Amino acid sequence: MNNLLVFQSDFGLVDGAVSAMHGVANTVDDSIKIQDLTHDIPPYSIWEASYRLFQTIEYWPKGTVFVSVVDPGVGSSRRSVVAETVGGQYIVTPDNGTLTHIKKYIGFKEVREIDETKHRREDTEHSYTFHGRDVYANTGAKLASGKISFEQVGSVVALDLTCELEVGEVEQGTGFIKGTIDILDIRFGSLWTNIPRNLFVETGFNHGDRVEVIIRNGSTLAYNNRIAYGKSFADVYASEQIIYVNSVYNMAIAINQGNFARAYNIGTGRHWKIEFRKVSI
């Protein structure tokens, strides 16, 4: 391990929850280097927790331990696990779907269930609602500091038994490609799709093309327009719309110096469908 510990949660920073997790980790070993991915995951949004890990984890060194706590089922029979990615990072989390995007797009070497009889903080066995502090921060710190090995976490969980959320599919055809709007670039309101750049280009789109964009919320048409496909926001004027490749190499849509999601009341999720279609000249 490399002594790096990264926290993510939906706790926010308005009370002492995140500080308590930091404190537990430092009590285990005060030489741990603690960082925060985000604590602004929307409350209970397992999907967004999964995506933000996918957005971030590959840029951290081998041996980094992530603790992700978005846990609406806290205290229930859901498993607590540690997963090792193919890149050698570790994720300490409830097995509630948080591992979905890493499993699908990056991959795991192995997953182990946390043995809470060994790795829960002492004298917390009657507390059922703060596993982020009592189980995950404690286990993550022990792992990051090298006080336990991955094998000492607990028994192996078969990869096909880990909980997964349903992910939108990509459909490709002659002159079009369809997918879903997975998430927003929150501060700027850009729409991030699940459509990979390579499939978009394979469909026949080139920089400078004007592309027909159709967005539906279920069966309801929410947006239909032609947008330029550019390399960067500088390819269009301020307030103009643009299709671009985002930081995880999927297709995205933005308003240069504006907020696309707010302007057109667009949301995210599997029911938000997006289609890119070549324009006949």
C-alpha atoms as a PDB file:
ATOM      1  CA  MET A   1       0.000   0.000   0.000  1.00  0.00           C
ATOM      2  CA  ASN A   2       1.093   3.601  -0.538  1.00  0.00           C
ATOM      3  CA  ASN A   3      -0.453   5.264   2.542  1.00  0.00           C
ATOM      4  CA  LEU A   4      -2.978   7.207   0.418  1.00  0.00           C
ATOM      5  CA  LEU A   5      -6.622   7.234   1.520  1.00  0.00           C
ATOM      6  CA  VAL A   6      -9.370   8.999  -0.484  1.00  0.00           C
ATOM      7  CA  PHE A   7     -12.869   9.595   0.919  1.00  0.00           C
ATOM      8  CA  GLN A   8     -16.152  10.029  -0.962  1.00  0.00           C
ATOM      9  CA  SER A   9     -19.651  10.338   0.506  1.00  0.00           C
ATOM     10  CA  ASP A  10     -23.028  12.049   0.335  1.00  0.00           C
ATOM     11  CA  PHE A  11     -22.526  13.518   3.821  1.00  0.00           C
ATOM     12  CA  GLY A  12     -21.700  17.096   2.838  1.00  0.00           C
ATOM     13  CA  LEU A  13     -19.556  19.280   5.057  1.00  0.00           C
ATOM     14  CA  VAL A  14     -22.198  20.949   7.197  1.00  0.00           C
ATOM     15  CA  ASP A  15     -21.716  18.673  10.216  1.00  0.00           C
ATOM     16  CA  GLY A  16     -19.071  16.456  11.780  1.00  0.00           C
ATOM     17  CA  ALA A  17     -19.527  13.240   9.801  1.00  0.00           C
ATOM     18  CA  VAL A  18     -16.599  13.654   7.402  1.00  0.00           C
ATOM     19  CA  SER A  19     -14.340  14.961  10.152  1.00  0.00           C
ATOM     20  CA  ALA A  20     -15.201  11.898  12.237  1.00  0.00           C
ATOM     21  CA  MET A  21     -14.069   9.596   9.412  1.00  0.00           C
ATOM     22  CA  HIS A  22     -10.828  11.558   9.063  1.00  0.00           C
ATOM     23  CA  GLY A  23     -10.331  11.251  12.821  1.00  0.00           C
ATOM     24  CA  VAL A  24     -10.841   7.480  12.799  1.00  0.00           C
ATOM     25  CA  ALA A  25      -8.329   7.093   9.968  1.00  0.00           C
ATOM     26  CA  ASN A  26      -5.751   9.237  11.768  1.00  0.00           C
ATOM     27  CA  THR A  27      -6.292   7.260  14.960  1.00  0.00           C
ATOM     28  CA  VAL A  28      -5.390   4.098  13.051  1.00  0.00           C
ATOM     29  CA  ASP A  29      -2.234   5.754  11.674  1.00  0.00           C
ATOM     30  CA  ASP A  30      -1.594   9.485  11.748  1.00  0.00           C
ATOM     31  CA  SER A  31       0.907   9.233   8.895  1.00  0.00           C
ATOM     32  CA  ILE A  32      -1.834   8.418   6.365  1.00  0.00           C
ATOM     33  CA  LYS A  33      -2.258  11.004   3.622  1.00  0.00           C
ATOM     34  CA  ILE A  34      -6.002  11.663   3.463  1.00  0.00           C
ATOM     35  CA  GLN A  35      -7.690  13.311   0.480  1.00  0.00           C
ATOM     36  CA  ASP A  36     -11.339  13.860  -0.428  1.00  0.00           C
ATOM     37  CA  LEU A  37     -12.827  13.012  -3.812  1.00  0.00           C
ATOM     38  CA  THR A  38     -16.168  14.664  -2.997  1.00  0.00           C
ATOM     39  CA  HIS A  39     -18.729  14.751  -0.217  1.00  0.00           C
ATOM     40  CA  ASP A  40     -21.357  16.408  -2.406  1.00  0.00           C
ATOM     41  CA  ILE A  41     -22.823  13.269  -3.979  1.00  0.00           C
ATOM     42  CA  PRO A  42     -26.600  13.884  -4.031  1.00  0.00           C
ATOM     43  CA  PRO A  43     -28.137  12.135  -1.004  1.00  0.00           C
ATOM     44  CA  TYR A  44     -28.644   8.390  -1.597  1.00  0.00           C
ATOM     45  CA  SER A  45     -27.379   8.537  -5.218  1.00  0.00           C
ATOM     46  CA  ILE A  46     -25.498   5.262  -5.539  1.00  0.00           C
ATOM     47  CA  TRP A  47     -25.347   5.818  -9.302  1.00  0.00           C
ATOM     48  CA  GLU A  48     -23.431   9.078  -8.949  1.00  0.00           C
ATOM     49  CA  ALA A  49     -21.100   7.561  -6.352  1.00  0.00           C
ATOM     50  CA  SER A  50     -20.299   4.807  -8.836  1.00  0.00           C
ATOM     51  CA  TYR A  51     -19.700   7.255 -11.682  1.00  0.00           C
ATOM     52  CA  ARG A  52     -17.470   9.637  -9.684  1.00  0.00           C
ATOM     53  CA  LEU A  53     -15.221   6.731  -8.719  1.00  0.00           C
ATOM     54  CA  PHE A  54     -14.995   5.748 -12.388  1.00  0.00           C
ATOM     55  CA  GLN A  55     -14.202   9.366 -13.300  1.00  0.00           C
ATOM     56  CA  THR A  56     -11.337   9.538 -10.810  1.00  0.00           C
ATOM     57  CA  ILE A  57      -9.785   6.250  -9.742  1.00  0.00           C
ATOM     58  CA  GLU A  58      -7.469   5.524 -12.669  1.00  0.00           C
ATOM     59  CA  TYR A  59      -5.564   8.763 -12.024  1.00  0.00           C
ATOM     60  CA  TRP A  60      -4.439   7.636  -8.561  1.00  0.00           C
ATOM     61  CA  PRO A  61      -1.364   5.458  -7.978  1.00  0.00           C
ATOM     62  CA  LYS A  62      -1.436   1.723  -7.460  1.00  0.00           C
ATOM     63  CA  GLY A  63      -2.145   0.944  -3.817  1.00  0.00           C
ATOM     64  CA  THR A  64      -4.419   3.939  -3.188  1.00  0.00           C
ATOM     65  CA  VAL A  65      -7.429   3.081  -1.005  1.00  0.00           C
ATOM     66  CA  PHE A  66     -10.797   4.723  -1.697  1.00  0.00           C
ATOM     67  CA  VAL A  67     -13.592   4.778   0.873  1.00  0.00           C
ATOM     68  CA  SER A  68     -16.970   5.462  -0.753  1.00  0.00           C
ATOM     69  CA  VAL A  69     -19.973   5.802   1.533  1.00  0.00           C
ATOM     70  CA  VAL A  70     -23.329   6.389  -0.145  1.00  0.00           C
ATOM     71  CA  ASP A  71     -25.334   3.894   1.814  1.00  0.00           C
ATOM     72  CA  PRO A  72     -29.127   4.200   1.990  1.00  0.00           C
ATOM     73  CA  GLY A  73     -29.214   0.557   3.158  1.00  0.00           C
ATOM     74  CA  VAL A  74     -26.886   1.126   6.118  1.00  0.00           C
ATOM     75  CA  GLY A  75     -27.555  -1.376   8.906  1.00  0.00           C
ATOM     76  CA  SER A  76     -29.294  -3.841   6.581  1.00  0.00           C
ATOM     77  CA  SER A  77     -28.021  -7.197   5.332  1.00  0.00           C
ATOM     78  CA  ARG A  78     -26.124  -5.693   2.378  1.00  0.00           C
ATOM     79  CA  ARG A  79     -22.450  -6.680   2.310  1.00  0.00           C
ATOM     80  CA  SER A  80     -19.511  -4.440   3.159  1.00  0.00           C
ATOM     81  CA  VAL A  81     -16.639  -5.115   0.782  1.00  0.00           C
ATOM     82  CA  VAL A  82     -13.203  -4.132  -0.429  1.00  0.00           C
ATOM     83  CA  ALA A  83     -12.600  -4.451  -4.171  1.00  0.00           C
ATOM     84  CA  GLU A  84      -9.198  -4.461  -5.871  1.00  0.00           C
ATOM     85  CA  THR A  85      -9.208  -2.955  -9.372  1.00  0.00           C
ATOM     86  CA  VAL A  86      -7.105  -4.260 -12.244  1.00  0.00           C
ATOM     87  CA  GLY A  87      -4.975  -1.144 -11.772  1.00  0.00           C
ATOM     88  CA  GLY A  88      -4.211  -2.039  -8.159  1.00  0.00           C
ATOM     89  CA  GLN A  89      -6.391   0.527  -6.365  1.00  0.00           C
ATOM     90  CA  TYR A  90      -8.816  -0.533  -3.621  1.00  0.00           C
ATOM     91  CA  ILE A  91     -12.421   0.532  -2.923  1.00  0.00           C
ATOM     92  CA  VAL A  92     -13.975   0.130   0.531  1.00  0.00           C
ATOM     93  CA  THR A  93     -17.738   0.428   0.199  1.00  0.00           C
ATOM     94  CA  PRO A  94     -21.146  -1.142   0.702  1.00  0.00           C
ATOM     95  CA  ASP A  95     -21.936  -3.681  -2.005  1.00  0.00           C
ATOM     96  CA  ASN A  96     -24.999  -1.794  -3.192  1.00  0.00           C
ATOM     97  CA  GLY A  97     -24.132  -0.878  -6.781  1.00  0.00           C
ATOM     98  CA  THR A  98     -21.305   1.560  -6.027  1.00  0.00           C
ATOM     99  CA  LEU A  99     -18.910  -0.722  -7.908  1.00  0.00           C
ATOM    100  CA  THR A 100     -20.985  -0.740 -11.123  1.00  0.00           C
ATOM    101  CA  HIS A 101     -18.958   1.539 -13.403  1.00  0.00           C
ATOM    102  CA  ILE A 102     -15.556   0.297 -12.231  1.00  0.00           C
ATOM    103  CA  LYS A 103     -16.658  -3.290 -12.811  1.00  0.00           C
ATOM    104  CA  LYS A 104     -18.026  -2.585 -16.292  1.00  0.00           C
ATOM    105  CA  TYR A 105     -15.419  -0.192 -17.674  1.00  0.00           C
ATOM    106  CA  ILE A 106     -12.217  -0.916 -15.720  1.00  0.00           C
ATOM    107  CA  GLY A 107     -12.470  -4.312 -14.050  1.00  0.00           C
ATOM    108  CA  PHE A 108     -11.641  -5.995 -10.749  1.00  0.00           C
ATOM    109  CA  LYS A 109      -9.040  -8.516  -9.749  1.00  0.00           C
ATOM    110  CA  GLU A 110     -10.866  -9.606  -6.606  1.00  0.00           C
ATOM    111  CA  VAL A 111     -13.528  -8.572  -4.091  1.00  0.00           C
ATOM    112  CA  ARG A 112     -13.508  -9.493  -0.402  1.00  0.00           C
ATOM    113  CA  GLU A 113     -16.219  -9.106   2.228  1.00  0.00           C
ATOM    114  CA  ILE A 114     -15.153  -7.136   5.299  1.00  0.00           C
ATOM    115  CA  ASP A 115     -15.022  -9.295   8.418  1.00  0.00           C
ATOM    116  CA  GLU A 116     -16.631  -6.853  10.829  1.00  0.00           C
ATOM    117  CA  THR A 117     -15.700  -8.989  13.829  1.00  0.00           C
ATOM    118  CA  LYS A 118     -12.098  -7.978  13.118  1.00  0.00           C
ATOM    119  CA  HIS A 119     -12.266  -4.635  11.329  1.00  0.00           C
ATOM    120  CA  ARG A 120     -15.110  -2.697  12.974  1.00  0.00           C
ATOM    121  CA  ARG A 121     -14.038  -0.116  15.547  1.00  0.00           C
ATOM    122  CA  GLU A 122     -14.154  -1.430  19.089  1.00  0.00           C
ATOM    123  CA  ASP A 123     -17.325  -0.894  21.107  1.00  0.00           C
ATOM    124  CA  THR A 124     -19.432   0.159  18.112  1.00  0.00           C
ATOM    125  CA  GLU A 125     -21.321  -3.095  17.589  1.00  0.00           C
ATOM    126  CA  HIS A 126     -24.578  -1.508  18.771  1.00  0.00           C
ATOM    127  CA  SER A 127     -24.315   1.394  16.303  1.00  0.00           C
ATOM    128  CA  TYR A 128     -26.071   0.572  13.026  1.00  0.00           C
ATOM    129  CA  THR A 129     -26.202   3.854  11.117  1.00  0.00           C
ATOM    130  CA  PHE A 130     -22.629   5.124  10.703  1.00  0.00           C
ATOM    131  CA  HIS A 131     -20.677   2.337   9.026  1.00  0.00           C
ATOM    132  CA  GLY A 132     -18.751   5.045   7.156  1.00  0.00           C
ATOM    133  CA  ARG A 133     -16.981   5.859  10.419  1.00  0.00           C
ATOM    134  CA  ASP A 134     -17.102   2.542  12.264  1.00  0.00           C
ATOM    135  CA  VAL A 135     -16.403   0.064   9.440  1.00  0.00           C
ATOM    136  CA  TYR A 136     -15.272   1.731   6.210  1.00  0.00           C
ATOM    137  CA  ALA A 137     -12.941   4.471   7.462  1.00  0.00           C
ATOM    138  CA  ASN A 138     -11.443   2.063   9.978  1.00  0.00           C
ATOM    139  CA  THR A 139     -10.913  -0.733   7.457  1.00  0.00           C
ATOM    140  CA  GLY A 140      -9.684   1.653   4.771  1.00  0.00           C
ATOM    141  CA  ALA A 141      -7.114   3.180   7.101  1.00  0.00           C
ATOM    142  CA  LYS A 142      -5.866  -0.220   8.237  1.00  0.00           C
ATOM    143  CA  LEU A 143      -5.456  -1.260   4.613  1.00  0.00           C
ATOM    144  CA  ALA A 144      -3.866   2.004   3.418  1.00  0.00           C
ATOM    145  CA  SER A 145      -1.357   2.006   6.269  1.00  0.00           C
ATOM    146  CA  GLY A 146      -0.400  -1.624   5.741  1.00  0.00           C
ATOM    147  CA  LYS A 147      -1.643  -2.720   9.165  1.00  0.00           C
ATOM    148  CA  ILE A 148      -3.648  -5.394   7.341  1.00  0.00           C
ATOM    149  CA  SER A 149      -3.234  -6.973   3.926  1.00  0.00           C
ATOM    150  CA  PHE A 150      -6.014  -7.240   1.379  1.00  0.00           C
ATOM    151  CA  GLU A 151      -6.222 -10.977   2.118  1.00  0.00           C
ATOM    152  CA  GLN A 152      -6.868 -10.198   5.792  1.00  0.00           C
ATOM    153  CA  VAL A 153      -9.960  -8.112   4.961  1.00  0.00           C
ATOM    154  CA  GLY A 154     -12.184 -11.193   4.804  1.00  0.00           C
ATOM    155  CA  SER A 155     -13.467 -13.934   2.539  1.00  0.00           C
ATOM    156  CA  VAL A 156     -13.563 -13.704  -1.271  1.00  0.00           C
ATOM    157  CA  VAL A 157     -16.829 -12.687  -2.952  1.00  0.00           C
ATOM    158  CA  ALA A 158     -17.439 -14.065  -6.456  1.00  0.00           C
ATOM    159  CA  LEU A 159     -17.278 -11.163  -8.916  1.00  0.00           C
ATOM    160  CA  ASP A 160     -20.592 -12.130 -10.511  1.00  0.00           C
ATOM    161  CA  LEU A 161     -22.314 -11.843  -7.123  1.00  0.00           C
ATOM    162  CA  THR A 162     -21.467  -8.184  -6.555  1.00  0.00           C
ATOM    163  CA  CYS A 163     -24.429  -5.826  -6.845  1.00  0.00           C
ATOM    164  CA  GLU A 164     -24.694  -3.902 -10.119  1.00  0.00           C
ATOM    165  CA  LEU A 165     -26.958  -1.079 -11.245  1.00  0.00           C
ATOM    166  CA  GLU A 166     -28.471  -1.268 -14.708  1.00  0.00           C
ATOM    167  CA  VAL A 167     -26.396   0.682 -17.222  1.00  0.00           C
ATOM    168  CA  GLY A 168     -27.784   2.234 -20.414  1.00  0.00           C
ATOM    169  CA  GLU A 169     -26.882   0.574 -23.708  1.00  0.00           C
ATOM    170  CA  VAL A 170     -25.337   2.171 -26.786  1.00  0.00           C
ATOM    171  CA  GLU A 171     -27.008   1.505 -30.149  1.00  0.00           C
ATOM    172  CA  GLN A 172     -25.151   2.209 -33.369  1.00  0.00           C
ATOM    173  CA  GLY A 173     -26.483   2.177 -36.923  1.00  0.00           C
ATOM    174  CA  THR A 174     -25.956   3.737 -40.341  1.00  0.00           C
ATOM    175  CA  GLY A 175     -25.523   7.452 -39.757  1.00  0.00           C
ATOM    176  CA  PHE A 176     -26.634   7.474 -36.111  1.00  0.00           C
ATOM    177  CA  ILE A 177     -25.661   6.467 -32.602  1.00  0.00           C
ATOM    178  CA  LYS A 178     -27.879   6.394 -29.511  1.00  0.00           C
ATOM    179  CA  GLY A 179     -27.142   6.246 -25.799  1.00  0.00           C
ATOM    180  CA  THR A 180     -28.093   7.735 -22.457  1.00  0.00           C
ATOM    181  CA  ILE A 181     -27.203  10.840 -20.466  1.00  0.00           C
ATOM    182  CA  ASP A 182     -25.325   9.338 -17.564  1.00  0.00           C
ATOM    183  CA  ILE A 183     -24.407  12.378 -15.521  1.00  0.00           C
ATOM    184  CA  LEU A 184     -23.774  16.127 -15.538  1.00  0.00           C
ATOM    185  CA  ASP A 185     -20.588  18.120 -15.345  1.00  0.00           C
ATOM    186  CA  ILE A 186     -22.302  19.688 -12.382  1.00  0.00           C
ATOM    187  CA  ARG A 187     -20.972  23.232 -12.131  1.00  0.00           C
ATOM    188  CA  PHE A 188     -21.283  23.868 -15.856  1.00  0.00           C
ATOM    189  CA  GLY A 189     -24.404  21.869 -16.708  1.00  0.00           C
ATOM    190  CA  SER A 190     -22.800  19.895 -19.526  1.00  0.00           C
ATOM    191  CA  LEU A 191     -24.411  16.579 -20.466  1.00  0.00           C
ATOM    192  CA  TRP A 192     -22.114  13.554 -20.253  1.00  0.00           C
ATOM    193  CA  THR A 193     -23.315  10.584 -22.293  1.00  0.00           C
ATOM    194  CA  ASN A 194     -22.348   6.904 -22.206  1.00  0.00           C
ATOM    195  CA  ILE A 195     -21.324   7.017 -25.891  1.00  0.00           C
ATOM    196  CA  PRO A 196     -17.572   6.421 -26.346  1.00  0.00           C
ATOM    197  CA  ARG A 197     -15.632   8.688 -28.671  1.00  0.00           C
ATOM    198  CA  ASN A 198     -14.380   5.787 -30.785  1.00  0.00           C
ATOM    199  CA  LEU A 199     -17.929   4.627 -31.614  1.00  0.00           C
ATOM    200  CA  PHE A 200     -19.020   8.202 -32.329  1.00  0.00           C
ATOM    201  CA  VAL A 201     -16.153   8.649 -34.806  1.00  0.00           C
ATOM    202  CA  GLU A 202     -16.753   5.172 -36.247  1.00  0.00           C
ATOM    203  CA  THR A 203     -20.316   6.273 -37.039  1.00  0.00           C
ATOM    204  CA  GLY A 204     -18.836   8.882 -39.393  1.00  0.00           C
ATOM    205  CA  PHE A 205     -18.813  12.146 -37.443  1.00  0.00           C
ATOM    206  CA  ASN A 206     -15.898  14.546 -37.967  1.00  0.00           C
ATOM    207  CA  HIS A 207     -14.802  17.759 -36.277  1.00  0.00           C
ATOM    208  CA  GLY A 208     -16.655  20.670 -37.819  1.00  0.00           C
ATOM    209  CA  ASP A 209     -19.764  18.650 -38.684  1.00  0.00           C
ATOM    210  CA  ARG A 210     -23.172  19.887 -37.684  1.00  0.00           C
ATOM    211  CA  VAL A 211     -24.919  16.973 -36.016  1.00  0.00           C
ATOM    212  CA  GLU A 212     -28.607  16.500 -35.312  1.00  0.00           C
ATOM    213  CA  VAL A 213     -29.143  15.917 -31.597  1.00  0.00           C
ATOM    214  CA  ILE A 214     -32.360  14.405 -30.266  1.00  0.00           C
ATOM    215  CA  ILE A 215     -32.972  14.072 -26.510  1.00  0.00           C
ATOM    216  CA  ARG A 216     -35.948  12.264 -25.046  1.00  0.00           C
ATOM    217  CA  ASN A 217     -37.133  11.817 -21.486  1.00  0.00           C
ATOM    218  CA  GLY A 218     -38.822   8.463 -21.863  1.00  0.00           C
ATOM    219  CA  SER A 219     -41.158   8.956 -24.813  1.00  0.00           C
ATOM    220  CA  THR A 220     -41.256  12.750 -24.454  1.00  0.00           C
ATOM    221  CA  LEU A 221     -39.160  14.819 -26.849  1.00  0.00           C
ATOM    222  CA  ALA A 222     -37.092  17.230 -24.737  1.00  0.00           C
ATOM    223  CA  TYR A 223     -34.695  18.676 -27.312  1.00  0.00           C
ATOM    224  CA  ASN A 224     -34.004  18.556 -31.059  1.00  0.00           C
ATOM    225  CA  ASN A 225     -31.444  20.753 -32.797  1.00  0.00           C
ATOM    226  CA  ARG A 226     -28.296  20.758 -34.913  1.00  0.00           C
ATOM    227  CA  ILE A 227     -25.045  21.332 -33.025  1.00  0.00           C
ATOM    228  CA  ALA A 228     -21.423  21.687 -34.124  1.00  0.00           C
ATOM    229  CA  TYR A 229     -18.951  18.954 -33.196  1.00  0.00           C
ATOM    230  CA  GLY A 230     -15.784  20.678 -32.010  1.00  0.00           C
ATOM    231  CA  LYS A 231     -12.490  19.976 -30.288  1.00  0.00           C
ATOM    232  CA  SER A 232     -12.925  22.573 -27.556  1.00  0.00           C
ATOM    233  CA  PHE A 233     -15.267  25.312 -26.392  1.00  0.00           C
ATOM    234  CA  ALA A 234     -13.183  27.827 -28.331  1.00  0.00           C
ATOM    235  CA  ASP A 235     -14.610  26.346 -31.539  1.00  0.00           C
ATOM    236  CA  VAL A 236     -17.925  28.143 -30.934  1.00  0.00           C
ATOM    237  CA  TYR A 237     -18.963  31.568 -29.714  1.00  0.00           C
ATOM    238  CA  ALA A 238     -20.067  32.201 -26.133  1.00  0.00           C
ATOM    239  CA  SER A 239     -23.653  30.979 -25.597  1.00  0.00           C
ATOM    240  CA  GLU A 240     -23.412  28.588 -28.555  1.00  0.00           C
ATOM    241  CA  GLN A 241     -23.865  24.847 -28.134  1.00  0.00           C
ATOM    242  CA  ILE A 242     -21.151  22.314 -28.863  1.00  0.00           C
ATOM    243  CA  ILE A 243     -20.617  18.548 -28.968  1.00  0.00           C
ATOM    244  CA  TYR A 244     -17.222  17.565 -27.572  1.00  0.00           C
ATOM    245  CA  VAL A 245     -15.233  14.690 -26.056  1.00  0.00           C
ATOM    246  CA  ASN A 246     -15.234  14.865 -22.258  1.00  0.00           C
ATOM    247  CA  SER A 247     -12.480  13.914 -19.832  1.00  0.00           C
ATOM    248  CA  VAL A 248     -13.468  10.227 -19.727  1.00  0.00           C
ATOM    249  CA  TYR A 249     -13.458  10.057 -23.550  1.00  0.00           C
ATOM    250  CA  ASN A 250     -17.230   9.945 -23.966  1.00  0.00           C
ATOM    251  CA  MET A 251     -19.355  12.350 -25.965  1.00  0.00           C
ATOM    252  CA  ALA A 252     -20.807  15.373 -24.220  1.00  0.00           C
ATOM    253  CA  ILE A 253     -22.823  18.490 -24.988  1.00  0.00           C
ATOM    254  CA  ALA A 254     -22.344  21.958 -23.527  1.00  0.00           C
ATOM    255  CA  ILE A 255     -23.216  25.593 -23.967  1.00  0.00           C
ATOM    256  CA  ASN A 256     -20.000  27.603 -24.118  1.00  0.00           C
ATOM    257  CA  GLN A 257     -20.043  29.706 -20.934  1.00  0.00           C
ATOM    258  CA  GLY A 258     -23.586  28.552 -20.229  1.00  0.00           C
ATOM    259  CA  ASN A 259     -25.500  25.695 -18.606  1.00  0.00           C
ATOM    260  CA  PHE A 260     -27.100  23.259 -21.056  1.00  0.00           C
ATOM    261  CA  ALA A 261     -28.977  21.186 -18.473  1.00  0.00           C
ATOM    262  CA  ARG A 262     -30.566  24.260 -16.908  1.00  0.00           C
ATOM    263  CA  ALA A 263     -31.323  25.952 -20.216  1.00  0.00           C
ATOM    264  CA  TYR A 264     -33.290  22.966 -21.547  1.00  0.00           C
ATOM    265  CA  ASN A 265     -34.346  21.288 -18.301  1.00  0.00           C
ATOM    266  CA  ILE A 266     -32.415  18.103 -19.084  1.00  0.00           C
ATOM    267  CA  GLY A 267     -31.838  15.378 -16.485  1.00  0.00           C
ATOM    268  CA  THR A 268     -29.837  12.195 -16.212  1.00  0.00           C
ATOM    269  CA  GLY A 269     -30.476   8.481 -15.992  1.00  0.00           C
ATOM    270  CA  ARG A 270     -31.370   5.534 -18.199  1.00  0.00           C
ATOM    271  CA  HIS A 271     -34.699   7.099 -19.201  1.00  0.00           C
ATOM    272  CA  TRP A 272     -32.881  10.171 -20.625  1.00  0.00           C
ATOM    273  CA  LYS A 273     -32.032   9.025 -24.165  1.00  0.00           C
ATOM    274  CA  ILE A 274     -29.798  10.891 -26.577  1.00  0.00           C
ATOM    275  CA  GLU A 275     -29.268  10.347 -30.298  1.00  0.00           C
ATOM    276  CA  PHE A 276     -26.626  11.817 -32.619  1.00  0.00           C
ATOM    277  CA  ARG A 277     -27.632  11.661 -36.272  1.00  0.00           C
ATOM    278  CA  LYS A 278     -25.727  12.666 -39.418  1.00  0.00           C
ATOM    279  CA  VAL A 279     -27.255  15.561 -41.309  1.00  0.00           C
ATOM    280  CA  SER A 280     -27.928  15.001 -45.012  1.00  0.00           C
ATOM    281  CA  ILE A 281     -26.467  17.731 -47.181  1.00  0.00           C
END
